[in-house]
Protein backbone atom coordinates (compact mmCIF):
# COMPACT_ATOMS: atom_id res chain seq x y z
CA MET A 1 -44.72 38.15 20.10
CA HIS A 2 -44.75 41.58 21.79
CA ASP A 3 -46.88 44.23 21.62
CA THR A 4 -45.76 46.76 19.05
CA ARG A 5 -47.27 49.60 20.52
CA TYR A 6 -44.70 51.15 21.41
CA LEU A 7 -43.32 52.28 18.46
CA LYS A 8 -45.91 54.34 17.35
CA ASP A 9 -45.84 56.12 20.78
CA LEU A 10 -42.32 57.07 20.11
CA ILE A 11 -43.18 60.65 19.89
CA LEU A 12 -44.74 60.67 23.33
CA LEU A 13 -41.43 59.69 25.24
CA ARG A 14 -40.17 63.03 24.42
CA ASN A 15 -42.21 63.73 27.29
CA ASP A 16 -43.06 60.26 28.93
CA PRO A 17 -39.66 58.53 30.13
CA SER A 18 -42.36 55.77 31.40
CA LYS A 19 -42.47 54.57 28.36
CA VAL A 20 -38.97 53.66 28.14
CA PRO A 21 -39.00 50.51 30.13
CA ALA A 22 -41.48 48.66 28.17
CA VAL A 23 -39.48 49.20 25.06
CA ARG A 24 -36.30 48.04 26.58
CA GLU A 25 -37.52 45.19 28.09
CA ALA A 26 -39.14 44.20 24.52
CA ALA A 27 -35.70 45.13 23.18
CA LEU A 28 -33.59 43.03 25.87
CA CYS A 29 -36.47 40.16 24.43
CA GLY A 30 -34.46 40.13 20.92
CA GLU A 31 -37.19 42.29 19.09
CA ALA A 32 -35.41 43.95 16.45
CA ASP A 33 -38.28 46.75 16.05
CA ALA A 34 -37.78 47.70 19.67
CA GLN A 35 -34.24 47.44 19.64
CA PHE A 36 -34.12 49.84 16.76
CA ALA A 37 -36.53 52.08 19.10
CA MET A 38 -34.27 51.95 22.16
CA GLY A 39 -31.51 53.63 19.43
CA LEU A 40 -33.52 56.09 18.29
CA ILE A 41 -34.69 57.02 22.10
CA TYR A 42 -30.98 57.16 23.30
CA ALA A 43 -30.02 59.25 19.85
CA GLU A 44 -32.73 61.76 20.45
CA GLY A 45 -32.98 62.00 24.01
CA ARG A 46 -36.60 61.19 24.08
CA GLY A 47 -37.45 60.23 27.43
CA VAL A 48 -33.65 59.53 28.77
CA PRO A 49 -30.80 62.02 28.61
CA GLU A 50 -28.79 61.24 24.96
CA ASP A 51 -26.41 58.89 25.26
CA LEU A 52 -24.54 57.55 21.82
CA ALA A 53 -22.83 54.51 23.13
CA GLN A 54 -26.10 53.44 23.81
CA ALA A 55 -27.85 54.24 20.93
CA HIS A 56 -24.93 52.68 18.87
CA TYR A 57 -25.22 49.58 21.00
CA TRP A 58 -29.26 48.70 20.65
CA LEU A 59 -29.13 49.76 16.61
CA SER A 60 -26.10 47.57 16.14
CA LEU A 61 -28.08 45.03 17.67
CA ALA A 62 -31.68 45.77 15.24
CA VAL A 63 -28.71 45.67 12.73
CA ALA A 64 -27.55 41.83 13.40
CA GLN A 65 -30.99 40.99 12.99
CA GLY A 66 -31.54 42.41 9.52
CA ASP A 67 -32.98 45.95 10.53
CA LYS A 68 -31.17 48.20 7.27
CA GLU A 69 -32.79 51.23 8.42
CA ALA A 70 -30.79 50.65 12.06
CA GLU A 71 -28.24 50.14 9.50
CA ARG A 72 -28.05 54.32 8.38
CA LEU A 73 -29.56 55.33 11.50
CA ARG A 74 -25.84 53.69 12.83
CA ALA A 75 -24.11 55.34 10.30
CA ARG A 76 -25.43 58.48 11.36
CA VAL A 77 -25.02 57.97 15.00
CA GLY A 78 -21.41 56.68 14.39
CA ALA A 79 -20.25 59.90 12.59
CA ARG A 80 -21.76 62.10 15.83
CA MET A 81 -19.86 60.01 18.49
CA THR A 82 -16.52 60.82 20.06
CA ASP A 83 -13.75 57.89 19.87
CA ASP A 84 -14.70 57.67 23.37
CA GLU A 85 -18.21 57.35 23.19
CA TYR A 86 -17.27 54.55 20.52
CA ALA A 87 -15.18 52.84 22.85
CA ALA A 88 -18.06 52.76 25.65
CA ALA A 89 -20.44 51.81 22.82
CA LYS A 90 -18.15 48.46 22.07
CA ARG A 91 -17.41 47.69 25.38
CA LEU A 92 -21.58 47.49 25.73
CA ARG A 93 -21.29 44.63 22.82
CA GLU A 94 -18.12 43.10 24.87
CA GLY A 95 -20.40 42.42 28.07
CA ALA A 96 -23.31 41.73 26.17
CA ASN A 97 -21.36 38.60 24.64
CA LEU A 98 -22.87 38.97 21.58
CA SER A 99 -21.97 36.99 18.23
CA ILE A 100 -22.93 39.15 14.86
CA THR A 101 -21.34 37.30 11.88
CA ALA A 102 -21.12 40.70 9.65
CA GLU A 103 -18.36 42.11 7.57
CA GLY A 104 -15.80 44.24 9.67
CA ASP A 105 -16.53 41.76 12.38
CA ALA A 106 -12.62 41.25 13.15
CA ASP A 107 -12.10 45.32 12.79
CA HIS A 108 -15.08 46.43 14.88
CA GLY A 109 -16.60 43.09 16.59
CA GLY A 110 -19.34 43.93 13.84
CA MET A 111 -19.72 47.37 14.97
CA ASP A 112 -19.20 50.14 11.72
CA ARG A 113 -18.95 53.53 12.91
């Protein structure tokens, strides 16, 4: 299990982008909390440029692990996305070759807007 102190330090990411790689590494290792954090980081531009497609992608990974808070945030992010951003998020998911069993998979690859 990874050190999850990065979740407490999210506020610092506004001014300290050097913290993002540690969160990303934990997210890539499958930690749902880190995946949620990456979604929030990209949704709000904390230490990185705002990127709704990346935010939706990371939040979808957390949702796949049962994170209900990530599901709520993903819905808010999805409501702000353009069709192009949504298509980019879908390509990210397809590129990651994920398998999610959730209602709506046939239509959206498991990704609800």
